[in-house]
Amino acid sequence: MCKKATVALGGNYSNTKDLIMQALTKLKGLSIKEFKVSSFFQTRAISPIEQNDFFNAVCIFYTDLSPSVLFHEMAMIEKSLGKVPKPKEAPRPIDLDLLFYEILG
């Protein structure tokens, strides 16, 4: 059974756009079909910690992966691109967040 997933990508280090592009390439390498990506957009960081604006994008795709496997793969992509544990409001090189997961059929 096919599932539709929506993933947000973002970060606010100087090379975030490049990291988002790398993350998108790695996501496409999974069991993914009909991969669509939004334009990049910039948002202001809302934090008591002074930091750069965020660059963000959203992608939607179809997959046969279960939510837990997809979540695990996303965490491995983040780690491979330099994400480390951090305080909630700290700057970050890359974040991948599973926004929606819909079972179709």
PDB file of N, CA and C in Angstrom:
ATOM      1  N   MET A   1       0.846  -1.186   0.000  1.00  0.00           N
ATOM      2  CA  MET A   1       0.000   0.000   0.000  1.00  0.00           C
ATOM      3  C   MET A   1       0.887   1.243   0.000  1.00  0.00           C
ATOM      4  N   CYS A   2       0.572   2.188  -0.839  1.00  0.00           N
ATOM      5  CA  CYS A   2       1.382   3.397  -0.992  1.00  0.00           C
ATOM      6  C   CYS A   2       0.988   4.438   0.056  1.00  0.00           C
ATOM      7  N   LYS A   3       1.984   5.195   0.486  1.00  0.00           N
ATOM      8  CA  LYS A   3       1.770   6.259   1.463  1.00  0.00           C
ATOM      9  C   LYS A   3       2.297   7.575   0.926  1.00  0.00           C
ATOM     10  N   LYS A   4       1.642   8.667   1.286  1.00  0.00           N
ATOM     11  CA  LYS A   4       2.064  10.005   0.885  1.00  0.00           C
ATOM     12  C   LYS A   4       2.681  10.686   2.097  1.00  0.00           C
ATOM     13  N   ALA A   5       3.893  11.196   1.920  1.00  0.00           N
ATOM     14  CA  ALA A   5       4.605  11.848   3.019  1.00  0.00           C
ATOM     15  C   ALA A   5       4.933  13.290   2.647  1.00  0.00           C
ATOM     16  N   THR A   6       4.883  14.152   3.654  1.00  0.00           N
ATOM     17  CA  THR A   6       5.284  15.546   3.504  1.00  0.00           C
ATOM     18  C   THR A   6       6.383  15.809   4.525  1.00  0.00           C
ATOM     19  N   VAL A   7       7.523  16.299   4.035  1.00  0.00           N
ATOM     20  CA  VAL A   7       8.685  16.525   4.886  1.00  0.00           C
ATOM     21  C   VAL A   7       9.126  17.978   4.757  1.00  0.00           C
ATOM     22  N   ALA A   8       9.346  18.634   5.894  1.00  0.00           N
ATOM     23  CA  ALA A   8       9.910  19.985   5.924  1.00  0.00           C
ATOM     24  C   ALA A   8      11.411  19.865   6.135  1.00  0.00           C
ATOM     25  N   LEU A   9      12.150  20.721   5.444  1.00  0.00           N
ATOM     26  CA  LEU A   9      13.605  20.765   5.578  1.00  0.00           C
ATOM     27  C   LEU A   9      14.005  22.196   5.906  1.00  0.00           C
ATOM     28  N   GLY A  10      14.997  22.350   6.753  1.00  0.00           N
ATOM     29  CA  GLY A  10      15.423  23.697   7.078  1.00  0.00           C
ATOM     30  C   GLY A  10      16.687  23.709   7.906  1.00  0.00           C
ATOM     31  N   GLY A  11      17.220  24.892   8.070  1.00  0.00           N
ATOM     32  CA  GLY A  11      18.401  25.099   8.883  1.00  0.00           C
ATOM     33  C   GLY A  11      18.808  26.555   8.780  1.00  0.00           C
ATOM     34  N   ASN A  12      19.800  26.944   9.591  1.00  0.00           N
ATOM     35  CA  ASN A  12      20.221  28.340   9.551  1.00  0.00           C
ATOM     36  C   ASN A  12      21.723  28.523   9.749  1.00  0.00           C
ATOM     37  N   TYR A  13      22.496  27.639   9.160  1.00  0.00           N
ATOM     38  CA  TYR A  13      23.932  27.845   9.055  1.00  0.00           C
ATOM     39  C   TYR A  13      24.220  28.417   7.678  1.00  0.00           C
ATOM     40  N   SER A  14      25.433  28.857   7.464  1.00  0.00           N
ATOM     41  CA  SER A  14      25.769  29.526   6.206  1.00  0.00           C
ATOM     42  C   SER A  14      25.600  28.638   4.979  1.00  0.00           C
ATOM     43  N   ASN A  15      25.748  27.338   5.118  1.00  0.00           N
ATOM     44  CA  ASN A  15      25.627  26.444   3.967  1.00  0.00           C
ATOM     45  C   ASN A  15      24.314  25.653   3.962  1.00  0.00           C
ATOM     46  N   THR A  16      23.277  26.186   4.581  1.00  0.00           N
ATOM     47  CA  THR A  16      22.014  25.458   4.705  1.00  0.00           C
ATOM     48  C   THR A  16      21.400  25.103   3.358  1.00  0.00           C
ATOM     49  N   LYS A  17      21.444  26.019   2.393  1.00  0.00           N
ATOM     50  CA  LYS A  17      20.855  25.706   1.082  1.00  0.00           C
ATOM     51  C   LYS A  17      21.513  24.470   0.477  1.00  0.00           C
ATOM     52  N   ASP A  18      22.829  24.384   0.586  1.00  0.00           N
ATOM     53  CA  ASP A  18      23.548  23.223   0.078  1.00  0.00           C
ATOM     54  C   ASP A  18      23.152  21.961   0.850  1.00  0.00           C
ATOM     55  N   LEU A  19      23.035  22.070   2.164  1.00  0.00           N
ATOM     56  CA  LEU A  19      22.648  20.911   2.974  1.00  0.00           C
ATOM     57  C   LEU A  19      21.227  20.455   2.643  1.00  0.00           C
ATOM     58  N   ILE A  20      20.333  21.391   2.393  1.00  0.00           N
ATOM     59  CA  ILE A  20      18.968  21.019   1.996  1.00  0.00           C
ATOM     60  C   ILE A  20      19.005  20.278   0.665  1.00  0.00           C
ATOM     61  N   MET A  21      19.793  20.758  -0.287  1.00  0.00           N
ATOM     62  CA  MET A  21      19.902  20.078  -1.581  1.00  0.00           C
ATOM     63  C   MET A  21      20.458  18.662  -1.400  1.00  0.00           C
ATOM     64  N   GLN A  22      21.464  18.510  -0.543  1.00  0.00           N
ATOM     65  CA  GLN A  22      22.022  17.178  -0.273  1.00  0.00           C
ATOM     66  C   GLN A  22      20.970  16.276   0.383  1.00  0.00           C
ATOM     67  N   ALA A  23      20.206  16.823   1.328  1.00  0.00           N
ATOM     68  CA  ALA A  23      19.164  16.038   2.001  1.00  0.00           C
ATOM     69  C   ALA A  23      18.099  15.601   0.997  1.00  0.00           C
ATOM     70  N   LEU A  24      17.718  16.492   0.090  1.00  0.00           N
ATOM     71  CA  LEU A  24      16.728  16.136  -0.931  1.00  0.00           C
ATOM     72  C   LEU A  24      17.244  15.003  -1.811  1.00  0.00           C
ATOM     73  N   THR A  25      18.505  15.056  -2.188  1.00  0.00           N
ATOM     74  CA  THR A  25      19.105  13.990  -2.999  1.00  0.00           C
ATOM     75  C   THR A  25      19.081  12.669  -2.241  1.00  0.00           C
ATOM     76  N   LYS A  26      19.420  12.716  -0.956  1.00  0.00           N
ATOM     77  CA  LYS A  26      19.414  11.497  -0.141  1.00  0.00           C
ATOM     78  C   LYS A  26      17.991  10.956   0.041  1.00  0.00           C
ATOM     79  N   LEU A  27      17.017  11.833   0.234  1.00  0.00           N
ATOM     80  CA  LEU A  27      15.627  11.383   0.337  1.00  0.00           C
ATOM     81  C   LEU A  27      15.176  10.688  -0.947  1.00  0.00           C
ATOM     82  N   LYS A  28      15.538  11.256  -2.088  1.00  0.00           N
ATOM     83  CA  LYS A  28      15.172  10.659  -3.378  1.00  0.00           C
ATOM     84  C   LYS A  28      15.756   9.263  -3.536  1.00  0.00           C
ATOM     85  N   GLY A  29      16.851   8.987  -2.841  1.00  0.00           N
ATOM     86  CA  GLY A  29      17.503   7.680  -2.916  1.00  0.00           C
ATOM     87  C   GLY A  29      16.778   6.590  -2.141  1.00  0.00           C
ATOM     88  N   LEU A  30      15.783   6.968  -1.366  1.00  0.00           N
ATOM     89  CA  LEU A  30      14.984   5.983  -0.631  1.00  0.00           C
ATOM     90  C   LEU A  30      13.902   5.436  -1.556  1.00  0.00           C
ATOM     91  N   SER A  31      12.985   4.670  -1.038  1.00  0.00           N
ATOM     92  CA  SER A  31      11.878   4.126  -1.838  1.00  0.00           C
ATOM     93  C   SER A  31      10.849   5.223  -2.069  1.00  0.00           C
ATOM     94  N   ILE A  32      11.170   6.132  -2.988  1.00  0.00           N
ATOM     95  CA  ILE A  32      10.382   7.340  -3.196  1.00  0.00           C
ATOM     96  C   ILE A  32       9.869   7.382  -4.632  1.00  0.00           C
ATOM     97  N   LYS A  33       8.640   7.870  -4.784  1.00  0.00           N
ATOM     98  CA  LYS A  33       8.047   8.070  -6.107  1.00  0.00           C
ATOM     99  C   LYS A  33       7.426   9.464  -6.160  1.00  0.00           C
ATOM    100  N   GLU A  34       7.338  10.036  -7.354  1.00  0.00           N
ATOM    101  CA  GLU A  34       6.668  11.327  -7.575  1.00  0.00           C
ATOM    102  C   GLU A  34       7.115  12.400  -6.583  1.00  0.00           C
ATOM    103  N   PHE A  35       8.392  12.638  -6.555  1.00  0.00           N
ATOM    104  CA  PHE A  35       9.021  13.571  -5.624  1.00  0.00           C
ATOM    105  C   PHE A  35       8.815  15.006  -6.104  1.00  0.00           C
ATOM    106  N   LYS A  36       8.197  15.846  -5.277  1.00  0.00           N
ATOM    107  CA  LYS A  36       7.984  17.259  -5.600  1.00  0.00           C
ATOM    108  C   LYS A  36       8.554  18.117  -4.480  1.00  0.00           C
ATOM    109  N   VAL A  37       9.187  19.234  -4.872  1.00  0.00           N
ATOM    110  CA  VAL A  37       9.843  20.113  -3.904  1.00  0.00           C
ATOM    111  C   VAL A  37       9.361  21.541  -4.101  1.00  0.00           C
ATOM    112  N   SER A  38       9.101  22.226  -3.002  1.00  0.00           N
ATOM    113  CA  SER A  38       8.724  23.641  -3.042  1.00  0.00           C
ATOM    114  C   SER A  38       9.929  24.498  -3.398  1.00  0.00           C
ATOM    115  N   SER A  39       9.688  25.750  -3.599  1.00  0.00           N
ATOM    116  CA  SER A  39      10.769  26.730  -3.668  1.00  0.00           C
ATOM    117  C   SER A  39      11.370  26.863  -2.270  1.00  0.00           C
ATOM    118  N   PHE A  40      12.604  27.358  -2.193  1.00  0.00           N
ATOM    119  CA  PHE A  40      13.176  27.700  -0.893  1.00  0.00           C
ATOM    120  C   PHE A  40      12.514  28.968  -0.394  1.00  0.00           C
ATOM    121  N   PHE A  41      12.360  29.072   0.896  1.00  0.00           N
ATOM    122  CA  PHE A  41      11.854  30.299   1.483  1.00  0.00           C
ATOM    123  C   PHE A  41      12.629  30.592   2.749  1.00  0.00           C
ATOM    124  N   GLN A  42      12.680  31.853   3.120  1.00  0.00           N
ATOM    125  CA  GLN A  42      13.464  32.307   4.259  1.00  0.00           C
ATOM    126  C   GLN A  42      12.515  32.757   5.361  1.00  0.00           C
ATOM    127  N   THR A  43      12.815  32.359   6.595  1.00  0.00           N
ATOM    128  CA  THR A  43      12.015  32.778   7.745  1.00  0.00           C
ATOM    129  C   THR A  43      12.954  33.284   8.837  1.00  0.00           C
ATOM    130  N   ARG A  44      12.437  34.209   9.596  1.00  0.00           N
ATOM    131  CA  ARG A  44      13.216  34.784  10.695  1.00  0.00           C
ATOM    132  C   ARG A  44      13.241  33.809  11.870  1.00  0.00           C
ATOM    133  N   ALA A  45      14.397  33.682  12.483  1.00  0.00           N
ATOM    134  CA  ALA A  45      14.532  32.856  13.684  1.00  0.00           C
ATOM    135  C   ALA A  45      13.853  33.560  14.852  1.00  0.00           C
ATOM    136  N   ILE A  46      13.012  32.849  15.558  1.00  0.00           N
ATOM    137  CA  ILE A  46      12.356  33.394  16.749  1.00  0.00           C
ATOM    138  C   ILE A  46      12.963  32.665  17.939  1.00  0.00           C
ATOM    139  N   SER A  47      13.901  33.328  18.594  1.00  0.00           N
ATOM    140  CA  SER A  47      14.674  32.677  19.643  1.00  0.00           C
ATOM    141  C   SER A  47      15.337  33.741  20.505  1.00  0.00           C
ATOM    142  N   PRO A  48      15.556  33.440  21.778  1.00  0.00           N
ATOM    143  CA  PRO A  48      16.329  34.367  22.602  1.00  0.00           C
ATOM    144  C   PRO A  48      17.818  34.339  22.228  1.00  0.00           C
ATOM    145  N   ILE A  49      18.218  33.336  21.437  1.00  0.00           N
ATOM    146  CA  ILE A  49      19.594  33.210  20.972  1.00  0.00           C
ATOM    147  C   ILE A  49      19.701  33.924  19.623  1.00  0.00           C
ATOM    148  N   GLU A  50      20.603  34.897  19.518  1.00  0.00           N
ATOM    149  CA  GLU A  50      20.773  35.582  18.234  1.00  0.00           C
ATOM    150  C   GLU A  50      21.335  34.601  17.216  1.00  0.00           C
ATOM    151  N   GLN A  51      20.701  34.572  16.035  1.00  0.00           N
ATOM    152  CA  GLN A  51      21.112  33.628  15.001  1.00  0.00           C
ATOM    153  C   GLN A  51      20.613  34.068  13.633  1.00  0.00           C
ATOM    154  N   ASN A  52      21.130  33.412  12.600  1.00  0.00           N
ATOM    155  CA  ASN A  52      20.749  33.707  11.225  1.00  0.00           C
ATOM    156  C   ASN A  52      19.304  33.304  10.958  1.00  0.00           C
ATOM    157  N   ASP A  53      18.745  33.882   9.874  1.00  0.00           N
ATOM    158  CA  ASP A  53      17.434  33.454   9.399  1.00  0.00           C
ATOM    159  C   ASP A  53      17.508  31.994   8.952  1.00  0.00           C
ATOM    160  N   PHE A  54      16.360  31.347   8.916  1.00  0.00           N
ATOM    161  CA  PHE A  54      16.267  29.971   8.443  1.00  0.00           C
ATOM    162  C   PHE A  54      15.986  29.950   6.946  1.00  0.00           C
ATOM    163  N   PHE A  55      16.548  28.974   6.258  1.00  0.00           N
ATOM    164  CA  PHE A  55      16.143  28.630   4.902  1.00  0.00           C
ATOM    165  C   PHE A  55      15.363  27.340   5.010  1.00  0.00           C
ATOM    166  N   ASN A  56      14.247  27.282   4.295  1.00  0.00           N
ATOM    167  CA  ASN A  56      13.339  26.142   4.404  1.00  0.00           C
ATOM    168  C   ASN A  56      12.862  25.698   3.036  1.00  0.00           C
ATOM    169  N   ALA A  57      12.384  24.468   2.991  1.00  0.00           N
ATOM    170  CA  ALA A  57      11.711  23.921   1.815  1.00  0.00           C
ATOM    171  C   ALA A  57      10.808  22.795   2.320  1.00  0.00           C
ATOM    172  N   VAL A  58       9.878  22.390   1.482  1.00  0.00           N
ATOM    173  CA  VAL A  58       8.985  21.278   1.803  1.00  0.00           C
ATOM    174  C   VAL A  58       8.979  20.349   0.599  1.00  0.00           C
ATOM    175  N   CYS A  59       8.964  19.043   0.856  1.00  0.00           N
ATOM    176  CA  CYS A  59       8.830  18.091  -0.246  1.00  0.00           C
ATOM    177  C   CYS A  59       7.686  17.132   0.061  1.00  0.00           C
ATOM    178  N   ILE A  60       7.072  16.659  -1.005  1.00  0.00           N
ATOM    179  CA  ILE A  60       5.971  15.696  -0.923  1.00  0.00           C
ATOM    180  C   ILE A  60       6.332  14.540  -1.842  1.00  0.00           C
ATOM    181  N   PHE A  61       6.108  13.325  -1.368  1.00  0.00           N
ATOM    182  CA  PHE A  61       6.427  12.161  -2.186  1.00  0.00           C
ATOM    183  C   PHE A  61       5.592  10.968  -1.730  1.00  0.00           C
ATOM    184  N   TYR A  62       5.627   9.934  -2.541  1.00  0.00           N
ATOM    185  CA  TYR A  62       4.962   8.671  -2.226  1.00  0.00           C
ATOM    186  C   TYR A  62       6.035   7.653  -1.900  1.00  0.00           C
ATOM    187  N   THR A  63       5.740   6.779  -0.946  1.00  0.00           N
ATOM    188  CA  THR A  63       6.728   5.804  -0.492  1.00  0.00           C
ATOM    189  C   THR A  63       6.042   4.531  -0.012  1.00  0.00           C
ATOM    190  N   ASP A  64       6.802   3.460   0.018  1.00  0.00           N
ATOM    191  CA  ASP A  64       6.338   2.205   0.616  1.00  0.00           C
ATOM    192  C   ASP A  64       6.909   2.037   2.025  1.00  0.00           C
ATOM    193  N   LEU A  65       7.744   2.987   2.466  1.00  0.00           N
ATOM    194  CA  LEU A  65       8.360   2.902   3.792  1.00  0.00           C
ATOM    195  C   LEU A  65       7.319   3.154   4.884  1.00  0.00           C
ATOM    196  N   SER A  66       7.450   2.458   5.983  1.00  0.00           N
ATOM    197  CA  SER A  66       6.590   2.704   7.142  1.00  0.00           C
ATOM    198  C   SER A  66       7.013   4.028   7.778  1.00  0.00           C
ATOM    199  N   PRO A  67       6.140   4.623   8.604  1.00  0.00           N
ATOM    200  CA  PRO A  67       6.524   5.878   9.269  1.00  0.00           C
ATOM    201  C   PRO A  67       7.799   5.734  10.092  1.00  0.00           C
ATOM    202  N   SER A  68       7.943   4.629  10.827  1.00  0.00           N
ATOM    203  CA  SER A  68       9.126   4.467  11.676  1.00  0.00           C
ATOM    204  C   SER A  68      10.400   4.315  10.845  1.00  0.00           C
ATOM    205  N   VAL A  69      10.334   3.596   9.731  1.00  0.00           N
ATOM    206  CA  VAL A  69      11.508   3.445   8.877  1.00  0.00           C
ATOM    207  C   VAL A  69      11.845   4.780   8.215  1.00  0.00           C
ATOM    208  N   LEU A  70      10.843   5.491   7.722  1.00  0.00           N
ATOM    209  CA  LEU A  70      11.082   6.796   7.112  1.00  0.00           C
ATOM    210  C   LEU A  70      11.687   7.758   8.133  1.00  0.00           C
ATOM    211  N   PHE A  71      11.137   7.792   9.329  1.00  0.00           N
ATOM    212  CA  PHE A  71      11.664   8.665  10.385  1.00  0.00           C
ATOM    213  C   PHE A  71      13.125   8.324  10.685  1.00  0.00           C
ATOM    214  N   HIS A  72      13.435   7.033  10.778  1.00  0.00           N
ATOM    215  CA  HIS A  72      14.816   6.590  11.031  1.00  0.00           C
ATOM    216  C   HIS A  72      15.741   7.037   9.899  1.00  0.00           C
ATOM    217  N   GLU A  73      15.311   6.845   8.655  1.00  0.00           N
ATOM    218  CA  GLU A  73      16.123   7.248   7.503  1.00  0.00           C
ATOM    219  C   GLU A  73      16.360   8.762   7.499  1.00  0.00           C
ATOM    220  N   MET A  74      15.337   9.525   7.864  1.00  0.00           N
ATOM    221  CA  MET A  74      15.489  10.984   7.936  1.00  0.00           C
ATOM    222  C   MET A  74      16.509  11.360   9.003  1.00  0.00           C
ATOM    223  N   ALA A  75      16.475  10.682  10.146  1.00  0.00           N
ATOM    224  CA  ALA A  75      17.444  10.952  11.224  1.00  0.00           C
ATOM    225  C   ALA A  75      18.863  10.624  10.765  1.00  0.00           C
ATOM    226  N   MET A  76      19.018   9.561   9.994  1.00  0.00           N
ATOM    227  CA  MET A  76      20.343   9.194   9.475  1.00  0.00           C
ATOM    228  C   MET A  76      20.838  10.230   8.459  1.00  0.00           C
ATOM    229  N   ILE A  77      19.930  10.759   7.653  1.00  0.00           N
ATOM    230  CA  ILE A  77      20.301  11.819   6.706  1.00  0.00           C
ATOM    231  C   ILE A  77      20.766  13.056   7.477  1.00  0.00           C
ATOM    232  N   GLU A  78      20.003  13.455   8.500  1.00  0.00           N
ATOM    233  CA  GLU A  78      20.394  14.610   9.311  1.00  0.00           C
ATOM    234  C   GLU A  78      21.792  14.408   9.902  1.00  0.00           C
ATOM    235  N   LYS A  79      22.011  13.236  10.491  1.00  0.00           N
ATOM    236  CA  LYS A  79      23.295  12.948  11.130  1.00  0.00           C
ATOM    237  C   LYS A  79      24.427  12.982  10.102  1.00  0.00           C
ATOM    238  N   SER A  80      24.185  12.423   8.906  1.00  0.00           N
ATOM    239  CA  SER A  80      25.221  12.403   7.872  1.00  0.00           C
ATOM    240  C   SER A  80      25.580  13.812   7.391  1.00  0.00           C
ATOM    241  N   LEU A  81      24.661  14.758   7.586  1.00  0.00           N
ATOM    242  CA  LEU A  81      24.885  16.141   7.154  1.00  0.00           C
ATOM    243  C   LEU A  81      25.321  17.057   8.300  1.00  0.00           C
ATOM    244  N   GLY A  82      25.640  16.471   9.449  1.00  0.00           N
ATOM    245  CA  GLY A  82      26.248  17.245  10.524  1.00  0.00           C
ATOM    246  C   GLY A  82      25.344  17.654  11.667  1.00  0.00           C
ATOM    247  N   LYS A  83      24.109  17.158  11.707  1.00  0.00           N
ATOM    248  CA  LYS A  83      23.238  17.517  12.830  1.00  0.00           C
ATOM    249  C   LYS A  83      23.695  16.782  14.080  1.00  0.00           C
ATOM    250  N   VAL A  84      23.762  17.517  15.174  1.00  0.00           N
ATOM    251  CA  VAL A  84      24.125  16.961  16.475  1.00  0.00           C
ATOM    252  C   VAL A  84      23.074  17.405  17.485  1.00  0.00           C
ATOM    253  N   PRO A  85      22.977  16.712  18.632  1.00  0.00           N
ATOM    254  CA  PRO A  85      22.016  17.152  19.651  1.00  0.00           C
ATOM    255  C   PRO A  85      22.278  18.608  20.032  1.00  0.00           C
ATOM    256  N   LYS A  86      21.189  19.349  20.253  1.00  0.00           N
ATOM    257  CA  LYS A  86      21.288  20.783  20.528  1.00  0.00           C
ATOM    258  C   LYS A  86      20.111  21.210  21.382  1.00  0.00           C
ATOM    259  N   PRO A  87      20.236  22.363  22.056  1.00  0.00           N
ATOM    260  CA  PRO A  87      19.057  22.923  22.721  1.00  0.00           C
ATOM    261  C   PRO A  87      17.990  23.261  21.685  1.00  0.00           C
ATOM    262  N   LYS A  88      16.748  23.266  22.098  1.00  0.00           N
ATOM    263  CA  LYS A  88      15.622  23.459  21.189  1.00  0.00           C
ATOM    264  C   LYS A  88      15.760  24.708  20.320  1.00  0.00           C
ATOM    265  N   GLU A  89      16.194  25.807  20.861  1.00  0.00           N
ATOM    266  CA  GLU A  89      16.220  27.074  20.125  1.00  0.00           C
ATOM    267  C   GLU A  89      17.585  27.410  19.544  1.00  0.00           C
ATOM    268  N   ALA A  90      18.507  26.464  19.556  1.00  0.00           N
ATOM    269  CA  ALA A  90      19.850  26.727  19.044  1.00  0.00           C
ATOM    270  C   ALA A  90      19.879  26.664  17.520  1.00  0.00           C
ATOM    271  N   PRO A  91      20.832  27.356  16.900  1.00  0.00           N
ATOM    272  CA  PRO A  91      20.991  27.239  15.448  1.00  0.00           C
ATOM    273  C   PRO A  91      21.264  25.785  15.070  1.00  0.00           C
ATOM    274  N   ARG A  92      20.937  25.433  13.837  1.00  0.00           N
ATOM    275  CA  ARG A  92      21.148  24.059  13.388  1.00  0.00           C
ATOM    276  C   ARG A  92      21.509  24.033  11.910  1.00  0.00           C
ATOM    277  N   PRO A  93      22.332  23.072  11.508  1.00  0.00           N
ATOM    278  CA  PRO A  93      22.702  22.994  10.104  1.00  0.00           C
ATOM    279  C   PRO A  93      21.561  22.451   9.235  1.00  0.00           C
ATOM    280  N   ILE A  94      20.808  21.489   9.764  1.00  0.00           N
ATOM    281  CA  ILE A  94      19.748  20.858   8.974  1.00  0.00           C
ATOM    282  C   ILE A  94      18.732  20.212   9.911  1.00  0.00           C
ATOM    283  N   ASP A  95      17.484  20.317   9.544  1.00  0.00           N
ATOM    284  CA  ASP A  95      16.390  19.617  10.224  1.00  0.00           C
ATOM    285  C   ASP A  95      15.491  19.025   9.156  1.00  0.00           C
ATOM    286  N   LEU A  96      15.069  17.805   9.359  1.00  0.00           N
ATOM    287  CA  LEU A  96      14.055  17.178   8.521  1.00  0.00           C
ATOM    288  C   LEU A  96      12.913  16.788   9.454  1.00  0.00           C
ATOM    289  N   ASP A  97      11.735  17.266   9.166  1.00  0.00           N
ATOM    290  CA  ASP A  97      10.575  16.986  10.005  1.00  0.00           C
ATOM    291  C   ASP A  97       9.479  16.346   9.166  1.00  0.00           C
ATOM    292  N   LEU A  98       8.985  15.210   9.604  1.00  0.00           N
ATOM    293  CA  LEU A  98       7.868  14.542   8.940  1.00  0.00           C
ATOM    294  C   LEU A  98       6.591  15.250   9.373  1.00  0.00           C
ATOM    295  N   LEU A  99       5.985  16.001   8.456  1.00  0.00           N
ATOM    296  CA  LEU A  99       4.801  16.793   8.775  1.00  0.00           C
ATOM    297  C   LEU A  99       3.523  15.980   8.656  1.00  0.00           C
ATOM    298  N   PHE A 100       3.411  15.218   7.570  1.00  0.00           N
ATOM    299  CA  PHE A 100       2.209  14.417   7.305  1.00  0.00           C
ATOM    300  C   PHE A 100       2.623  13.069   6.756  1.00  0.00           C
ATOM    301  N   TYR A 101       1.824  12.063   7.075  1.00  0.00           N
ATOM    302  CA  TYR A 101       2.030  10.709   6.552  1.00  0.00           C
ATOM    303  C   TYR A 101       0.626  10.134   6.351  1.00  0.00           C
ATOM    304  N   GLU A 102       0.275   9.917   5.117  1.00  0.00           N
ATOM    305  CA  GLU A 102      -1.091   9.496   4.784  1.00  0.00           C
ATOM    306  C   GLU A 102      -1.072   8.163   4.049  1.00  0.00           C
ATOM    307  N   ILE A 103      -1.818   7.188   4.568  1.00  0.00           N
ATOM    308  CA  ILE A 103      -1.945   5.895   3.896  1.00  0.00           C
ATOM    309  C   ILE A 103      -3.042   6.018   2.864  1.00  0.00           C
ATOM    310  N   LEU A 104      -2.712   5.711   1.625  1.00  0.00           N
ATOM    311  CA  LEU A 104      -3.667   5.841   0.522  1.00  0.00           C
ATOM    312  C   LEU A 104      -4.258   4.481   0.163  1.00  0.00           C
ATOM    313  N   GLY A 105      -5.450   4.511  -0.332  1.00  0.00           N
ATOM    314  CA  GLY A 105      -6.042   3.266  -0.832  1.00  0.00           C
ATOM    315  C   GLY A 105      -7.185   2.874  -0.054  1.00  0.00           C
TER     316      GLY A 105
END
